[in-house]
Amino acid sequence: MTFNRRRSLTGLLFLAPYAISFVTFIVLPIIVAAYLSVMQFDLTAKGSIHYVGLQNFKEAWADQYFWSGIKATLSFVILMVPSMLVFALGTAIGLNAMSRGRNAVRALLFLPGLLNVAVTAILWGWFYDGTFGLFNFLLKKVGIGEVHWLSEKALAMPSIVVMTLWWTMGGTAIVLLAALQQIPRHIIEAAALDGAGKWAMFRKIVFPLLTPVLLFVVITNTIGAFQVFGQPFLLTKGGPELATRGLVQYIYETAFNNYRMGYGAAMSWMLFAIIAVFALLQYRLLRRSVA
């Protein structure tokens, strides 16, 4: 066996575990979901499995709960993604300007992201508790009455967004900090010598150089926001009045509580299409702003 052939075989052996897991947990579920989406697959009715074509998609289009799920999901996306971008970018700029203690602050920011969603929801459920919660305790200390963070329709989704920002912002801020640190210092110093102010320097130099990373951050956060599930499911169960029941939670309840696997798969593909459209629009808009 030649050296090149042996090296190629070694590379394939190293790739094999990932390839097997990728096919098992990514490719096969996609194929199964595509099959189920065009089937009547009701686990509660014996002999109900049969081909229905696009009927599941048509049913979803006329389903008011499907649209309420989209409305709640869009509400989370609209509140979450811009907030994440602003706070994470501001935090990254602040960290980049620090001369001491940057590593310690960076570690503290990243620490919440190490918690899983269940632990985070339990912690913030105590923060938001109407009777014994930390936030209402502090508000009472300054003479403000009790606030129903999770049971008022207008406050429930913003409260979930605040929790999610605390939980996930550290990772995004660190990515942006790494991008800021890659900007050549001599460009910044030359602009400063030419008399450029901080705002002009940010607008003309820093922001354009950060755009590829900002594009990555915006698209990944948008995709993640459209798939929100754990936070509202654990904190509000989708209430009040379905204000926080996103589409993923409705898909979960349809498929695993009501055992309508085909209908749930069809809605999953519709969610995929919505995410793809939003990601493509964001990509084109940001690329156009760079050009």
Protein backbone atom coordinates (compact mmCIF):
# COMPACT_ATOMS: atom_id res chain seq x y z
CA MET A 1 0.00 0.00 0.00
CA THR A 2 1.42 3.36 -1.00
CA PHE A 3 1.97 6.18 1.47
CA ASN A 4 -0.73 8.41 -0.09
CA ARG A 5 -3.29 5.60 -0.06
CA ARG A 6 -2.47 4.77 3.56
CA ARG A 7 -2.78 8.43 4.54
CA SER A 8 -6.15 8.69 2.79
CA LEU A 9 -7.38 5.57 4.58
CA THR A 10 -6.21 6.96 7.92
CA GLY A 11 -8.10 10.19 7.25
CA LEU A 12 -11.27 8.26 6.44
CA LEU A 13 -10.96 6.27 9.65
CA PHE A 14 -10.70 9.47 11.67
CA LEU A 15 -13.73 10.88 9.86
CA ALA A 16 -15.81 7.72 10.28
CA PRO A 17 -17.19 8.40 13.82
CA TYR A 18 -18.43 11.86 12.85
CA ALA A 19 -19.76 10.65 9.51
CA ILE A 20 -21.71 7.84 11.18
CA SER A 21 -23.17 10.16 13.84
CA PHE A 22 -24.00 12.79 11.18
CA VAL A 23 -25.89 10.29 9.06
CA THR A 24 -27.63 8.77 12.10
CA PHE A 25 -28.70 11.95 13.86
CA ILE A 26 -28.98 14.47 11.00
CA VAL A 27 -29.52 12.84 7.60
CA LEU A 28 -31.86 10.03 8.67
CA PRO A 29 -34.14 12.29 10.80
CA ILE A 30 -34.43 14.69 7.85
CA ILE A 31 -35.45 11.83 5.57
CA VAL A 32 -37.93 10.49 8.14
CA ALA A 33 -39.40 13.98 8.70
CA ALA A 34 -39.83 14.44 4.94
CA TYR A 35 -41.63 11.08 4.74
CA LEU A 36 -43.87 11.80 7.73
CA SER A 37 -44.84 15.25 6.46
CA VAL A 38 -46.82 13.75 3.57
CA MET A 39 -48.37 10.96 5.64
CA GLN A 40 -51.38 10.70 7.90
CA PHE A 41 -49.52 9.29 10.89
CA ASP A 42 -51.79 9.30 13.93
CA LEU A 43 -50.51 6.98 16.68
CA THR A 44 -53.87 6.99 18.47
CA ALA A 45 -55.80 5.44 15.57
CA LYS A 46 -54.93 1.94 14.40
CA GLY A 47 -54.54 1.63 10.67
CA SER A 48 -54.59 5.39 10.11
CA ILE A 49 -51.20 5.56 8.42
CA HIS A 50 -51.60 6.49 4.76
CA TYR A 51 -50.32 8.94 2.18
CA VAL A 52 -52.09 12.33 2.15
CA GLY A 53 -49.76 14.46 0.02
CA LEU A 54 -49.85 18.14 0.94
CA GLN A 55 -52.91 17.81 3.19
CA ASN A 56 -50.88 18.36 6.38
CA PHE A 57 -49.44 21.59 4.99
CA LYS A 58 -52.90 22.80 3.98
CA GLU A 59 -54.22 22.01 7.44
CA ALA A 60 -51.40 23.98 9.04
CA TRP A 61 -52.12 26.94 6.77
CA ALA A 62 -55.69 27.06 8.12
CA ASP A 63 -54.75 26.29 11.74
CA GLN A 64 -55.15 29.30 14.04
CA TYR A 65 -52.80 27.76 16.61
CA PHE A 66 -50.12 27.43 13.96
CA TRP A 67 -50.37 31.15 13.25
CA SER A 68 -50.47 32.06 16.94
CA GLY A 69 -47.28 30.01 17.33
CA ILE A 70 -45.67 31.95 14.49
CA LYS A 71 -46.80 35.22 16.07
CA ALA A 72 -45.26 34.30 19.44
CA THR A 73 -42.06 33.11 17.75
CA LEU A 74 -41.74 36.31 15.72
CA SER A 75 -42.31 38.33 18.87
CA PHE A 76 -39.39 36.54 20.51
CA VAL A 77 -37.17 36.95 17.43
CA ILE A 78 -37.93 40.67 17.06
CA LEU A 79 -37.18 41.33 20.72
CA MET A 80 -34.25 38.95 21.06
CA VAL A 81 -32.02 39.39 18.01
CA PRO A 82 -31.60 43.22 18.03
CA SER A 83 -31.20 43.19 21.83
CA MET A 84 -28.56 40.49 21.60
CA LEU A 85 -26.66 42.38 18.92
CA VAL A 86 -26.70 45.70 20.81
CA PHE A 87 -25.79 44.33 24.24
CA ALA A 88 -23.24 41.83 22.99
CA LEU A 89 -21.51 44.39 20.77
CA GLY A 90 -21.49 46.99 23.56
CA THR A 91 -20.08 44.43 25.98
CA ALA A 92 -17.41 43.37 23.47
CA ILE A 93 -16.35 46.99 22.89
CA GLY A 94 -16.15 47.56 26.64
CA LEU A 95 -14.07 44.42 27.14
CA ASN A 96 -11.78 45.38 24.28
CA ALA A 97 -11.12 48.74 25.92
CA MET A 98 -10.17 47.18 29.27
CA SER A 99 -6.49 47.04 30.13
CA ARG A 100 -6.89 44.94 33.29
CA GLY A 101 -9.30 42.23 34.41
CA ARG A 102 -10.54 41.43 30.91
CA ASN A 103 -10.07 37.68 31.26
CA ALA A 104 -11.92 37.56 34.58
CA VAL A 105 -14.89 39.53 33.20
CA ARG A 106 -14.91 37.40 30.06
CA ALA A 107 -15.07 34.24 32.16
CA LEU A 108 -17.93 35.63 34.25
CA LEU A 109 -19.86 36.57 31.10
CA PHE A 110 -19.42 33.10 29.65
CA LEU A 111 -20.36 31.32 32.89
CA PRO A 112 -24.19 31.45 32.47
CA GLY A 113 -23.88 29.76 29.09
CA LEU A 114 -22.51 26.67 30.82
CA LEU A 115 -25.87 26.12 32.53
CA ASN A 116 -28.51 24.10 30.76
CA VAL A 117 -31.94 25.52 30.07
CA ALA A 118 -33.61 23.65 32.96
CA VAL A 119 -31.27 25.06 35.60
CA THR A 120 -31.53 28.54 34.08
CA ALA A 121 -35.34 28.37 34.06
CA ILE A 122 -35.47 27.25 37.69
CA LEU A 123 -33.19 30.13 38.71
CA TRP A 124 -35.10 32.76 36.78
CA GLY A 125 -38.44 31.29 37.82
CA TRP A 126 -37.42 32.20 41.37
CA PHE A 127 -36.32 35.67 40.22
CA TYR A 128 -39.73 36.26 38.61
CA ASP A 129 -41.87 34.66 41.33
CA GLY A 130 -44.70 37.01 42.24
CA THR A 131 -44.60 36.30 45.98
CA PHE A 132 -41.07 35.25 46.90
CA GLY A 133 -39.12 36.39 43.83
CA LEU A 134 -35.96 38.45 44.02
CA PHE A 135 -37.13 41.11 41.58
CA ASN A 136 -40.40 41.82 43.39
CA PHE A 137 -38.53 41.84 46.71
CA LEU A 138 -36.21 44.55 45.38
CA LEU A 139 -39.11 46.50 43.90
CA LYS A 140 -40.94 46.45 47.23
CA LYS A 141 -37.83 47.84 48.90
CA VAL A 142 -38.04 50.95 46.72
CA GLY A 143 -41.80 51.31 47.11
CA ILE A 144 -42.97 49.74 43.85
CA GLY A 145 -45.81 47.25 43.92
CA GLU A 146 -45.77 43.63 42.90
CA VAL A 147 -45.19 42.91 39.20
CA HIS A 148 -46.53 39.73 37.58
CA TRP A 149 -43.61 39.09 35.27
CA LEU A 150 -44.77 35.81 33.75
CA SER A 151 -48.54 35.97 34.13
CA GLU A 152 -49.17 39.30 32.39
CA LYS A 153 -49.44 39.03 28.62
CA ALA A 154 -47.47 42.21 27.94
CA LEU A 155 -44.57 41.23 30.23
CA ALA A 156 -44.25 37.47 29.71
CA MET A 157 -42.30 37.48 26.44
CA PRO A 158 -39.98 40.39 27.38
CA SER A 159 -39.24 38.56 30.64
CA ILE A 160 -38.26 35.43 28.70
CA VAL A 161 -36.07 37.56 26.42
CA VAL A 162 -34.26 39.07 29.43
CA MET A 163 -33.58 35.60 30.81
CA THR A 164 -32.30 34.40 27.43
CA LEU A 165 -30.01 37.42 27.09
CA TRP A 166 -28.46 36.71 30.49
CA TRP A 167 -28.06 33.05 29.56
CA THR A 168 -26.61 33.35 26.06
CA MET A 169 -25.13 36.82 25.60
CA GLY A 170 -21.69 35.88 26.92
CA GLY A 171 -20.88 33.57 24.03
CA THR A 172 -21.90 36.13 21.42
CA ALA A 173 -19.96 38.89 23.17
CA ILE A 174 -16.82 36.75 23.24
CA VAL A 175 -17.14 36.04 19.50
CA LEU A 176 -17.41 39.77 18.81
CA LEU A 177 -14.53 40.50 21.18
CA ALA A 178 -12.34 38.06 19.26
CA ALA A 179 -13.27 39.85 16.02
CA LEU A 180 -12.45 43.25 17.55
CA GLN A 181 -9.06 42.01 18.67
CA GLN A 182 -8.26 40.90 15.12
CA ILE A 183 -8.59 44.45 13.76
CA PRO A 184 -5.03 45.69 13.05
CA ARG A 185 -3.97 48.29 15.61
CA HIS A 186 -2.08 50.34 13.05
CA ILE A 187 -5.33 51.13 11.20
CA ILE A 188 -6.91 52.49 14.37
CA GLU A 189 -3.76 54.45 15.26
CA ALA A 190 -3.52 55.94 11.77
CA ALA A 191 -7.15 57.07 11.91
CA ALA A 192 -6.57 58.61 15.34
CA LEU A 193 -3.52 60.51 14.02
CA ASP A 194 -5.67 61.83 11.17
CA GLY A 195 -8.06 63.29 13.74
CA ALA A 196 -10.90 60.78 13.46
CA GLY A 197 -13.24 60.77 16.44
CA LYS A 198 -14.39 57.61 18.20
CA TRP A 199 -17.77 57.55 16.47
CA ALA A 200 -16.28 58.15 13.02
CA MET A 201 -13.64 55.49 13.72
CA PHE A 202 -16.32 52.99 14.69
CA ARG A 203 -18.57 53.83 11.73
CA LYS A 204 -15.89 53.99 9.05
CA ILE A 205 -13.36 51.40 10.23
CA VAL A 206 -14.51 49.09 13.01
CA PHE A 207 -18.05 48.37 11.83
CA PRO A 208 -17.13 47.51 8.20
CA LEU A 209 -14.35 45.20 9.39
CA LEU A 210 -16.77 43.54 11.84
CA THR A 211 -19.51 43.02 9.25
CA PRO A 212 -18.61 39.39 8.34
CA VAL A 213 -18.70 38.42 12.02
CA LEU A 214 -21.87 40.46 12.60
CA LEU A 215 -23.45 38.62 9.68
CA PHE A 216 -22.57 35.30 11.32
CA VAL A 217 -23.86 36.46 14.72
CA VAL A 218 -27.15 37.83 13.39
CA ILE A 219 -27.96 34.76 11.28
CA THR A 220 -27.04 32.21 13.97
CA ASN A 221 -28.97 34.11 16.65
CA THR A 222 -31.98 34.43 14.35
CA ILE A 223 -31.97 30.69 13.65
CA GLY A 224 -31.66 29.98 17.38
CA ALA A 225 -34.44 32.45 18.24
CA PHE A 226 -36.86 30.85 15.78
CA GLN A 227 -36.27 27.53 17.54
CA VAL A 228 -37.02 28.84 21.04
CA PHE A 229 -38.64 26.15 23.15
CA GLY A 230 -37.11 25.42 26.55
CA GLN A 231 -37.43 28.86 28.13
CA PRO A 232 -41.17 29.46 27.58
CA PHE A 233 -42.01 25.79 28.03
CA LEU A 234 -40.41 25.71 31.49
CA LEU A 235 -41.32 29.22 32.66
CA THR A 236 -44.83 29.84 31.33
CA LYS A 237 -45.97 26.60 29.62
CA GLY A 238 -46.81 28.83 26.66
CA GLY A 239 -49.09 31.19 28.58
CA PRO A 240 -50.62 33.56 29.33
CA GLU A 241 -53.20 33.23 26.55
CA LEU A 242 -50.65 31.47 24.30
CA ALA A 243 -48.56 34.66 24.23
CA THR A 244 -45.34 32.71 24.71
CA ARG A 245 -46.21 29.39 23.04
CA GLY A 246 -43.89 29.43 20.07
CA LEU A 247 -44.19 27.26 17.01
CA VAL A 248 -41.66 24.69 18.23
CA GLN A 249 -43.69 24.13 21.39
CA TYR A 250 -46.85 23.69 19.34
CA ILE A 251 -45.05 21.21 17.09
CA TYR A 252 -43.85 19.31 20.18
CA GLU A 253 -47.34 19.19 21.69
CA THR A 254 -48.88 18.12 18.38
CA ALA A 255 -46.38 15.34 17.71
CA PHE A 256 -45.68 13.98 21.20
CA ASN A 257 -48.76 14.89 23.24
CA ASN A 258 -51.43 14.48 20.56
CA TYR A 259 -49.43 11.81 18.67
CA ARG A 260 -49.96 13.44 15.27
CA MET A 261 -46.47 12.81 13.95
CA GLY A 262 -47.24 13.61 10.31
CA TYR A 263 -48.83 16.96 11.08
CA GLY A 264 -45.98 17.87 13.40
CA ALA A 265 -43.40 16.99 10.73
CA ALA A 266 -45.20 19.14 8.17
CA MET A 267 -45.15 22.14 10.50
CA SER A 268 -41.45 21.50 11.14
CA TRP A 269 -40.74 21.82 7.43
CA MET A 270 -42.77 25.02 7.29
CA LEU A 271 -40.70 26.41 10.17
CA PHE A 272 -37.54 25.41 8.29
CA ALA A 273 -38.77 27.35 5.25
CA ILE A 274 -39.47 30.44 7.36
CA ILE A 275 -36.01 30.30 8.96
CA ALA A 276 -34.34 29.84 5.56
CA VAL A 277 -36.16 32.87 4.12
CA PHE A 278 -35.22 35.09 7.07
CA ALA A 279 -31.60 33.94 7.01
CA LEU A 280 -31.34 34.59 3.28
CA LEU A 281 -32.87 38.07 3.62
CA GLN A 282 -30.49 38.97 6.43
CA TYR A 283 -27.51 37.68 4.46
CA ARG A 284 -28.40 39.74 1.40
CA LEU A 285 -29.14 42.91 3.37
CA LEU A 286 -25.91 42.76 5.34
CA ARG A 287 -23.85 41.88 2.27
CA ARG A 288 -25.42 44.80 0.42
CA SER A 289 -24.61 47.17 3.28
CA VAL A 290 -20.96 46.12 3.03
CA ALA A 291 -20.86 46.66 -0.72
